[in-house]
Amino acid sequence: LQLGAHPVERRTHMVSHQHGMTVTKTLREGEAEPQCQSFSYSQAELRGLMPEGASLLLLRVLACRWAVPPDLVFPAIDTEGQLCASSY
């Protein structure tokens, strides 16, 4: 059984606006047409949002301090573009 190359392209585009944020996820497999999904979140849902870059920075600071406060949880956007909880 031989499998050929099967390129997969994933993009997540986040746009902040007055009422919140819109996240558009695009998936393209091989030569197929891209599949797009959009999610919108209000300002209230995004309060305390921890973007991926900030999360990495926080992890480094916590590692240097050798301490993690109990119940440290932030809202985050997962790889599917959905709002989720990120706990440390």
PDB file of N, CA and C in Angstrom:
ATOM      1  N   LEU A   1       0.845  -1.176   0.000  1.00  0.00           N
ATOM      2  CA  LEU A   1       0.000   0.000   0.000  1.00  0.00           C
ATOM      3  C   LEU A   1       0.885   1.232   0.000  1.00  0.00           C
ATOM      4  N   GLN A   2       0.701   2.093  -0.973  1.00  0.00           N
ATOM      5  CA  GLN A   2       1.471   3.321  -1.050  1.00  0.00           C
ATOM      6  C   GLN A   2       0.524   4.503  -0.942  1.00  0.00           C
ATOM      7  N   LEU A   3       0.882   5.420  -0.081  1.00  0.00           N
ATOM      8  CA  LEU A   3       0.098   6.634   0.070  1.00  0.00           C
ATOM      9  C   LEU A   3       0.874   7.807  -0.509  1.00  0.00           C
ATOM     10  N   GLY A   4       0.208   8.581  -1.333  1.00  0.00           N
ATOM     11  CA  GLY A   4       0.846   9.751  -1.918  1.00  0.00           C
ATOM     12  C   GLY A   4       0.805  10.927  -0.954  1.00  0.00           C
ATOM     13  N   ALA A   5       1.469  11.984  -1.348  1.00  0.00           N
ATOM     14  CA  ALA A   5       1.467  13.192  -0.531  1.00  0.00           C
ATOM     15  C   ALA A   5       0.051  13.749  -0.454  1.00  0.00           C
ATOM     16  N   HIS A   6      -0.324  14.173   0.723  1.00  0.00           N
ATOM     17  CA  HIS A   6      -1.662  14.722   0.946  1.00  0.00           C
ATOM     18  C   HIS A   6      -1.524  15.997   1.771  1.00  0.00           C
ATOM     19  N   PRO A   7      -1.234  17.117   1.100  1.00  0.00           N
ATOM     20  CA  PRO A   7      -1.024  18.350   1.852  1.00  0.00           C
ATOM     21  C   PRO A   7      -2.310  18.835   2.526  1.00  0.00           C
ATOM     22  N   VAL A   8      -2.153  19.311   3.738  1.00  0.00           N
ATOM     23  CA  VAL A   8      -3.269  19.873   4.497  1.00  0.00           C
ATOM     24  C   VAL A   8      -2.881  21.281   4.919  1.00  0.00           C
ATOM     25  N   GLU A   9      -3.737  22.234   4.612  1.00  0.00           N
ATOM     26  CA  GLU A   9      -3.487  23.624   4.984  1.00  0.00           C
ATOM     27  C   GLU A   9      -4.576  24.062   5.951  1.00  0.00           C
ATOM     28  N   ARG A  10      -4.154  24.561   7.126  1.00  0.00           N
ATOM     29  CA  ARG A  10      -5.093  25.046   8.136  1.00  0.00           C
ATOM     30  C   ARG A  10      -4.759  26.491   8.446  1.00  0.00           C
ATOM     31  N   ARG A  11      -5.785  27.318   8.476  1.00  0.00           N
ATOM     32  CA  ARG A  11      -5.596  28.729   8.816  1.00  0.00           C
ATOM     33  C   ARG A  11      -6.669  29.142   9.808  1.00  0.00           C
ATOM     34  N   THR A  12      -6.270  29.966  10.746  1.00  0.00           N
ATOM     35  CA  THR A  12      -7.213  30.560  11.685  1.00  0.00           C
ATOM     36  C   THR A  12      -7.011  32.063  11.632  1.00  0.00           C
ATOM     37  N   HIS A  13      -8.079  32.761  11.330  1.00  0.00           N
ATOM     38  CA  HIS A  13      -8.041  34.221  11.197  1.00  0.00           C
ATOM     39  C   HIS A  13      -8.936  34.805  12.285  1.00  0.00           C
ATOM     40  N   MET A  14      -8.365  35.640  13.143  1.00  0.00           N
ATOM     41  CA  MET A  14      -9.109  36.237  14.241  1.00  0.00           C
ATOM     42  C   MET A  14      -9.198  37.739  14.022  1.00  0.00           C
ATOM     43  N   VAL A  15     -10.423  38.265  14.068  1.00  0.00           N
ATOM     44  CA  VAL A  15     -10.639  39.697  13.877  1.00  0.00           C
ATOM     45  C   VAL A  15     -11.388  40.234  15.086  1.00  0.00           C
ATOM     46  N   SER A  16     -10.767  41.196  15.755  1.00  0.00           N
ATOM     47  CA  SER A  16     -11.397  41.854  16.892  1.00  0.00           C
ATOM     48  C   SER A  16     -12.211  43.036  16.380  1.00  0.00           C
ATOM     49  N   HIS A  17     -13.420  43.189  16.895  1.00  0.00           N
ATOM     50  CA  HIS A  17     -14.260  44.308  16.512  1.00  0.00           C
ATOM     51  C   HIS A  17     -14.964  44.862  17.741  1.00  0.00           C
ATOM     52  N   GLN A  18     -15.760  45.881  17.547  1.00  0.00           N
ATOM     53  CA  GLN A  18     -16.380  46.602  18.657  1.00  0.00           C
ATOM     54  C   GLN A  18     -17.194  45.701  19.586  1.00  0.00           C
ATOM     55  N   HIS A  19     -17.859  44.710  19.043  1.00  0.00           N
ATOM     56  CA  HIS A  19     -18.753  43.877  19.845  1.00  0.00           C
ATOM     57  C   HIS A  19     -18.124  42.568  20.303  1.00  0.00           C
ATOM     58  N   GLY A  20     -16.893  42.290  19.900  1.00  0.00           N
ATOM     59  CA  GLY A  20     -16.243  41.048  20.307  1.00  0.00           C
ATOM     60  C   GLY A  20     -15.186  40.611  19.317  1.00  0.00           C
ATOM     61  N   MET A  21     -15.274  39.352  18.895  1.00  0.00           N
ATOM     62  CA  MET A  21     -14.274  38.805  17.983  1.00  0.00           C
ATOM     63  C   MET A  21     -14.925  37.763  17.078  1.00  0.00           C
ATOM     64  N   THR A  22     -14.457  37.722  15.833  1.00  0.00           N
ATOM     65  CA  THR A  22     -14.885  36.694  14.893  1.00  0.00           C
ATOM     66  C   THR A  22     -13.668  35.846  14.549  1.00  0.00           C
ATOM     67  N   VAL A  23     -13.815  34.529  14.656  1.00  0.00           N
ATOM     68  CA  VAL A  23     -12.754  33.585  14.340  1.00  0.00           C
ATOM     69  C   VAL A  23     -13.197  32.792  13.116  1.00  0.00           C
ATOM     70  N   THR A  24     -12.377  32.799  12.065  1.00  0.00           N
ATOM     71  CA  THR A  24     -12.678  32.028  10.861  1.00  0.00           C
ATOM     72  C   THR A  24     -11.605  30.966  10.701  1.00  0.00           C
ATOM     73  N   LYS A  25     -12.042  29.728  10.625  1.00  0.00           N
ATOM     74  CA  LYS A  25     -11.136  28.590  10.469  1.00  0.00           C
ATOM     75  C   LYS A  25     -11.292  28.067   9.050  1.00  0.00           C
ATOM     76  N   THR A  26     -10.164  27.911   8.324  1.00  0.00           N
ATOM     77  CA  THR A  26     -10.181  27.402   6.961  1.00  0.00           C
ATOM     78  C   THR A  26      -9.338  26.137   6.901  1.00  0.00           C
ATOM     79  N   LEU A  27      -9.895  25.100   6.298  1.00  0.00           N
ATOM     80  CA  LEU A  27      -9.202  23.820   6.147  1.00  0.00           C
ATOM     81  C   LEU A  27      -9.239  23.432   4.677  1.00  0.00           C
ATOM     82  N   ARG A  28      -8.064  23.129   4.136  1.00  0.00           N
ATOM     83  CA  ARG A  28      -7.976  22.687   2.748  1.00  0.00           C
ATOM     84  C   ARG A  28      -7.131  21.424   2.704  1.00  0.00           C
ATOM     85  N   GLU A  29      -7.722  20.351   2.194  1.00  0.00           N
ATOM     86  CA  GLU A  29      -7.019  19.074   2.092  1.00  0.00           C
ATOM     87  C   GLU A  29      -6.752  18.768   0.630  1.00  0.00           C
ATOM     88  N   GLY A  30      -5.480  18.668   0.291  1.00  0.00           N
ATOM     89  CA  GLY A  30      -5.096  18.387  -1.087  1.00  0.00           C
ATOM     90  C   GLY A  30      -5.572  19.465  -2.033  1.00  0.00           C
ATOM     91  N   GLU A  31      -6.209  19.044  -3.122  1.00  0.00           N
ATOM     92  CA  GLU A  31      -6.711  19.976  -4.132  1.00  0.00           C
ATOM     93  C   GLU A  31      -8.188  20.305  -3.930  1.00  0.00           C
ATOM     94  N   ALA A  32      -8.781  19.839  -2.871  1.00  0.00           N
ATOM     95  CA  ALA A  32     -10.205  20.069  -2.613  1.00  0.00           C
ATOM     96  C   ALA A  32     -10.469  21.538  -2.323  1.00  0.00           C
ATOM     97  N   GLU A  33     -11.715  21.928  -2.455  1.00  0.00           N
ATOM     98  CA  GLU A  33     -12.124  23.285  -2.134  1.00  0.00           C
ATOM     99  C   GLU A  33     -11.947  23.521  -0.631  1.00  0.00           C
ATOM    100  N   PRO A  34     -11.520  24.721  -0.238  1.00  0.00           N
ATOM    101  CA  PRO A  34     -11.365  25.012   1.196  1.00  0.00           C
ATOM    102  C   PRO A  34     -12.716  24.979   1.910  1.00  0.00           C
ATOM    103  N   GLN A  35     -12.709  24.484   3.138  1.00  0.00           N
ATOM    104  CA  GLN A  35     -13.902  24.470   3.987  1.00  0.00           C
ATOM    105  C   GLN A  35     -13.708  25.529   5.057  1.00  0.00           C
ATOM    106  N   CYS A  36     -14.682  26.427   5.186  1.00  0.00           N
ATOM    107  CA  CYS A  36     -14.578  27.527   6.145  1.00  0.00           C
ATOM    108  C   CYS A  36     -15.674  27.424   7.203  1.00  0.00           C
ATOM    109  N   GLN A  37     -15.315  27.764   8.428  1.00  0.00           N
ATOM    110  CA  GLN A  37     -16.260  27.867   9.532  1.00  0.00           C
ATOM    111  C   GLN A  37     -15.953  29.153  10.267  1.00  0.00           C
ATOM    112  N   SER A  38     -16.987  29.866  10.665  1.00  0.00           N
ATOM    113  CA  SER A  38     -16.803  31.103  11.429  1.00  0.00           C
ATOM    114  C   SER A  38     -17.524  31.010  12.763  1.00  0.00           C
ATOM    115  N   PHE A  39     -16.890  31.589  13.782  1.00  0.00           N
ATOM    116  CA  PHE A  39     -17.457  31.640  15.119  1.00  0.00           C
ATOM    117  C   PHE A  39     -17.346  33.078  15.608  1.00  0.00           C
ATOM    118  N   SER A  40     -18.382  33.569  16.250  1.00  0.00           N
ATOM    119  CA  SER A  40     -18.356  34.922  16.814  1.00  0.00           C
ATOM    120  C   SER A  40     -18.507  34.842  18.321  1.00  0.00           C
ATOM    121  N   TYR A  41     -17.737  35.670  19.019  1.00  0.00           N
ATOM    122  CA  TYR A  41     -17.770  35.698  20.478  1.00  0.00           C
ATOM    123  C   TYR A  41     -17.952  37.133  20.946  1.00  0.00           C
ATOM    124  N   SER A  42     -18.733  37.327  21.980  1.00  0.00           N
ATOM    125  CA  SER A  42     -18.977  38.662  22.531  1.00  0.00           C
ATOM    126  C   SER A  42     -17.805  39.072  23.426  1.00  0.00           C
ATOM    127  N   GLN A  43     -17.754  40.370  23.748  1.00  0.00           N
ATOM    128  CA  GLN A  43     -16.723  40.884  24.653  1.00  0.00           C
ATOM    129  C   GLN A  43     -16.799  40.174  26.010  1.00  0.00           C
ATOM    130  N   ALA A  44     -18.019  39.914  26.492  1.00  0.00           N
ATOM    131  CA  ALA A  44     -18.183  39.254  27.793  1.00  0.00           C
ATOM    132  C   ALA A  44     -17.588  37.848  27.783  1.00  0.00           C
ATOM    133  N   GLU A  45     -17.773  37.107  26.688  1.00  0.00           N
ATOM    134  CA  GLU A  45     -17.227  35.751  26.594  1.00  0.00           C
ATOM    135  C   GLU A  45     -15.704  35.761  26.544  1.00  0.00           C
ATOM    136  N   LEU A  46     -15.143  36.827  25.989  1.00  0.00           N
ATOM    137  CA  LEU A  46     -13.697  36.897  25.793  1.00  0.00           C
ATOM    138  C   LEU A  46     -12.943  37.544  26.945  1.00  0.00           C
ATOM    139  N   ARG A  47     -13.665  37.980  27.962  1.00  0.00           N
ATOM    140  CA  ARG A  47     -13.008  38.651  29.090  1.00  0.00           C
ATOM    141  C   ARG A  47     -11.945  37.725  29.695  1.00  0.00           C
ATOM    142  N   GLY A  48     -10.708  38.200  29.712  1.00  0.00           N
ATOM    143  CA  GLY A  48      -9.596  37.420  30.257  1.00  0.00           C
ATOM    144  C   GLY A  48      -8.975  36.460  29.257  1.00  0.00           C
ATOM    145  N   LEU A  49      -9.331  36.591  27.959  1.00  0.00           N
ATOM    146  CA  LEU A  49      -8.820  35.682  26.925  1.00  0.00           C
ATOM    147  C   LEU A  49      -7.304  35.607  26.960  1.00  0.00           C
ATOM    148  N   MET A  50      -6.774  34.403  26.897  1.00  0.00           N
ATOM    149  CA  MET A  50      -5.341  34.167  26.913  1.00  0.00           C
ATOM    150  C   MET A  50      -4.921  33.680  25.518  1.00  0.00           C
ATOM    151  N   PRO A  51      -4.414  34.592  24.656  1.00  0.00           N
ATOM    152  CA  PRO A  51      -3.951  34.159  23.331  1.00  0.00           C
ATOM    153  C   PRO A  51      -2.770  33.190  23.466  1.00  0.00           C
ATOM    154  N   GLU A  52      -2.509  32.449  22.407  1.00  0.00           N
ATOM    155  CA  GLU A  52      -1.480  31.407  22.437  1.00  0.00           C
ATOM    156  C   GLU A  52      -0.109  31.940  22.827  1.00  0.00           C
ATOM    157  N   GLY A  53       0.296  33.071  22.268  1.00  0.00           N
ATOM    158  CA  GLY A  53       1.612  33.640  22.584  1.00  0.00           C
ATOM    159  C   GLY A  53       1.721  34.037  24.042  1.00  0.00           C
ATOM    160  N   ALA A  54       0.655  34.645  24.583  1.00  0.00           N
ATOM    161  CA  ALA A  54       0.653  35.048  25.991  1.00  0.00           C
ATOM    162  C   ALA A  54       0.673  33.822  26.899  1.00  0.00           C
ATOM    163  N   SER A  55       0.018  32.763  26.473  1.00  0.00           N
ATOM    164  CA  SER A  55       0.001  31.530  27.253  1.00  0.00           C
ATOM    165  C   SER A  55       1.409  30.938  27.370  1.00  0.00           C
ATOM    166  N   LEU A  56       2.149  30.950  26.265  1.00  0.00           N
ATOM    167  CA  LEU A  56       3.528  30.434  26.299  1.00  0.00           C
ATOM    168  C   LEU A  56       4.405  31.271  27.225  1.00  0.00           C
ATOM    169  N   LEU A  57       4.237  32.586  27.163  1.00  0.00           N
ATOM    170  CA  LEU A  57       5.000  33.470  28.035  1.00  0.00           C
ATOM    171  C   LEU A  57       4.660  33.206  29.503  1.00  0.00           C
ATOM    172  N   LEU A  58       3.372  33.068  29.809  1.00  0.00           N
ATOM    173  CA  LEU A  58       2.955  32.779  31.179  1.00  0.00           C
ATOM    174  C   LEU A  58       3.542  31.456  31.675  1.00  0.00           C
ATOM    175  N   LEU A  59       3.544  30.445  30.830  1.00  0.00           N
ATOM    176  CA  LEU A  59       4.124  29.151  31.221  1.00  0.00           C
ATOM    177  C   LEU A  59       5.603  29.289  31.576  1.00  0.00           C
ATOM    178  N   ARG A  60       6.334  30.098  30.815  1.00  0.00           N
ATOM    179  CA  ARG A  60       7.760  30.302  31.117  1.00  0.00           C
ATOM    180  C   ARG A  60       7.955  31.015  32.443  1.00  0.00           C
ATOM    181  N   VAL A  61       7.127  32.032  32.708  1.00  0.00           N
ATOM    182  CA  VAL A  61       7.220  32.760  33.980  1.00  0.00           C
ATOM    183  C   VAL A  61       6.900  31.826  35.143  1.00  0.00           C
ATOM    184  N   LEU A  62       5.844  31.027  35.010  1.00  0.00           N
ATOM    185  CA  LEU A  62       5.473  30.098  36.077  1.00  0.00           C
ATOM    186  C   LEU A  62       6.576  29.063  36.305  1.00  0.00           C
ATOM    187  N   ALA A  63       7.205  28.601  35.230  1.00  0.00           N
ATOM    188  CA  ALA A  63       8.282  27.624  35.362  1.00  0.00           C
ATOM    189  C   ALA A  63       9.489  28.237  36.082  1.00  0.00           C
ATOM    190  N   CYS A  64       9.807  29.490  35.777  1.00  0.00           N
ATOM    191  CA  CYS A  64      10.928  30.159  36.445  1.00  0.00           C
ATOM    192  C   CYS A  64      10.660  30.365  37.929  1.00  0.00           C
ATOM    193  N   ARG A  65       9.426  30.608  38.259  1.00  0.00           N
ATOM    194  CA  ARG A  65       9.064  30.834  39.668  1.00  0.00           C
ATOM    195  C   ARG A  65       8.818  29.539  40.437  1.00  0.00           C
ATOM    196  N   TRP A  66       8.696  28.445  39.747  1.00  0.00           N
ATOM    197  CA  TRP A  66       8.422  27.151  40.351  1.00  0.00           C
ATOM    198  C   TRP A  66       7.133  27.181  41.171  1.00  0.00           C
ATOM    199  N   ALA A  67       6.149  27.945  40.699  1.00  0.00           N
ATOM    200  CA  ALA A  67       4.890  28.059  41.427  1.00  0.00           C
ATOM    201  C   ALA A  67       3.747  28.326  40.456  1.00  0.00           C
ATOM    202  N   VAL A  68       2.648  27.624  40.682  1.00  0.00           N
ATOM    203  CA  VAL A  68       1.433  27.841  39.904  1.00  0.00           C
ATOM    204  C   VAL A  68       0.304  28.097  40.892  1.00  0.00           C
ATOM    205  N   PRO A  69      -0.321  29.279  40.807  1.00  0.00           N
ATOM    206  CA  PRO A  69      -1.438  29.543  41.711  1.00  0.00           C
ATOM    207  C   PRO A  69      -2.548  28.507  41.513  1.00  0.00           C
ATOM    208  N   PRO A  70      -3.225  28.119  42.577  1.00  0.00           N
ATOM    209  CA  PRO A  70      -4.299  27.129  42.439  1.00  0.00           C
ATOM    210  C   PRO A  70      -5.455  27.699  41.601  1.00  0.00           C
ATOM    211  N   ASP A  71      -6.090  26.829  40.860  1.00  0.00           N
ATOM    212  CA  ASP A  71      -7.255  27.186  40.043  1.00  0.00           C
ATOM    213  C   ASP A  71      -6.981  28.311  39.049  1.00  0.00           C
ATOM    214  N   LEU A  72      -5.833  28.295  38.398  1.00  0.00           N
ATOM    215  CA  LEU A  72      -5.481  29.295  37.395  1.00  0.00           C
ATOM    216  C   LEU A  72      -6.089  28.857  36.064  1.00  0.00           C
ATOM    217  N   VAL A  73      -7.189  29.505  35.668  1.00  0.00           N
ATOM    218  CA  VAL A  73      -7.931  29.141  34.459  1.00  0.00           C
ATOM    219  C   VAL A  73      -8.233  30.409  33.661  1.00  0.00           C
ATOM    220  N   PHE A  74      -7.999  30.338  32.344  1.00  0.00           N
ATOM    221  CA  PHE A  74      -8.277  31.449  31.444  1.00  0.00           C
ATOM    222  C   PHE A  74      -9.089  30.946  30.261  1.00  0.00           C
ATOM    223  N   PRO A  75      -9.950  31.794  29.671  1.00  0.00           N
ATOM    224  CA  PRO A  75     -10.572  31.407  28.405  1.00  0.00           C
ATOM    225  C   PRO A  75      -9.519  31.435  27.303  1.00  0.00           C
ATOM    226  N   ALA A  76      -9.637  30.527  26.333  1.00  0.00           N
ATOM    227  CA  ALA A  76      -8.697  30.437  25.218  1.00  0.00           C
ATOM    228  C   ALA A  76      -9.449  29.974  23.975  1.00  0.00           C
ATOM    229  N   ILE A  77      -8.802  30.043  22.839  1.00  0.00           N
ATOM    230  CA  ILE A  77      -9.361  29.552  21.575  1.00  0.00           C
ATOM    231  C   ILE A  77      -8.600  28.275  21.226  1.00  0.00           C
ATOM    232  N   ASP A  78      -9.319  27.153  21.044  1.00  0.00           N
ATOM    233  CA  ASP A  78      -8.648  25.892  20.731  1.00  0.00           C
ATOM    234  C   ASP A  78      -8.313  25.804  19.241  1.00  0.00           C
ATOM    235  N   THR A  79      -7.730  24.697  18.819  1.00  0.00           N
ATOM    236  CA  THR A  79      -7.297  24.536  17.428  1.00  0.00           C
ATOM    237  C   THR A  79      -8.458  24.480  16.461  1.00  0.00           C
ATOM    238  N   GLU A  80      -9.656  24.237  16.960  1.00  0.00           N
ATOM    239  CA  GLU A  80     -10.841  24.203  16.111  1.00  0.00           C
ATOM    240  C   GLU A  80     -11.528  25.558  16.017  1.00  0.00           C
ATOM    241  N   GLY A  81     -11.004  26.559  16.737  1.00  0.00           N
ATOM    242  CA  GLY A  81     -11.599  27.891  16.724  1.00  0.00           C
ATOM    243  C   GLY A  81     -12.690  28.082  17.757  1.00  0.00           C
ATOM    244  N   GLN A  82     -12.871  27.099  18.609  1.00  0.00           N
ATOM    245  CA  GLN A  82     -13.910  27.151  19.644  1.00  0.00           C
ATOM    246  C   GLN A  82     -13.344  27.738  20.938  1.00  0.00           C
ATOM    247  N   LEU A  83     -14.197  28.409  21.677  1.00  0.00           N
ATOM    248  CA  LEU A  83     -13.805  28.947  22.978  1.00  0.00           C
ATOM    249  C   LEU A  83     -13.724  27.793  23.974  1.00  0.00           C
ATOM    250  N   CYS A  84     -12.645  27.743  24.745  1.00  0.00           N
ATOM    251  CA  CYS A  84     -12.460  26.673  25.730  1.00  0.00           C
ATOM    252  C   CYS A  84     -11.766  27.256  26.962  1.00  0.00           C
ATOM    253  N   ALA A  85     -11.564  26.430  27.965  1.00  0.00           N
ATOM    254  CA  ALA A  85     -10.868  26.848  29.180  1.00  0.00           C
ATOM    255  C   ALA A  85      -9.450  26.290  29.142  1.00  0.00           C
ATOM    256  N   SER A  86      -8.484  27.137  29.483  1.00  0.00           N
ATOM    257  CA  SER A  86      -7.088  26.722  29.555  1.00  0.00           C
ATOM    258  C   SER A  86      -6.670  26.802  31.010  1.00  0.00           C
ATOM    259  N   SER A  87      -6.334  25.652  31.573  1.00  0.00           N
ATOM    260  CA  SER A  87      -5.950  25.624  32.978  1.00  0.00           C
ATOM    261  C   SER A  87      -4.479  25.267  33.096  1.00  0.00           C
ATOM    262  N   TYR A  88      -3.871  25.724  34.183  1.00  0.00           N
ATOM    263  CA  TYR A  88      -2.432  25.518  34.401  1.00  0.00           C
ATOM    264  C   TYR A  88      -2.195  24.732  35.660  1.00  0.00           C
TER     265      TYR A  88
END
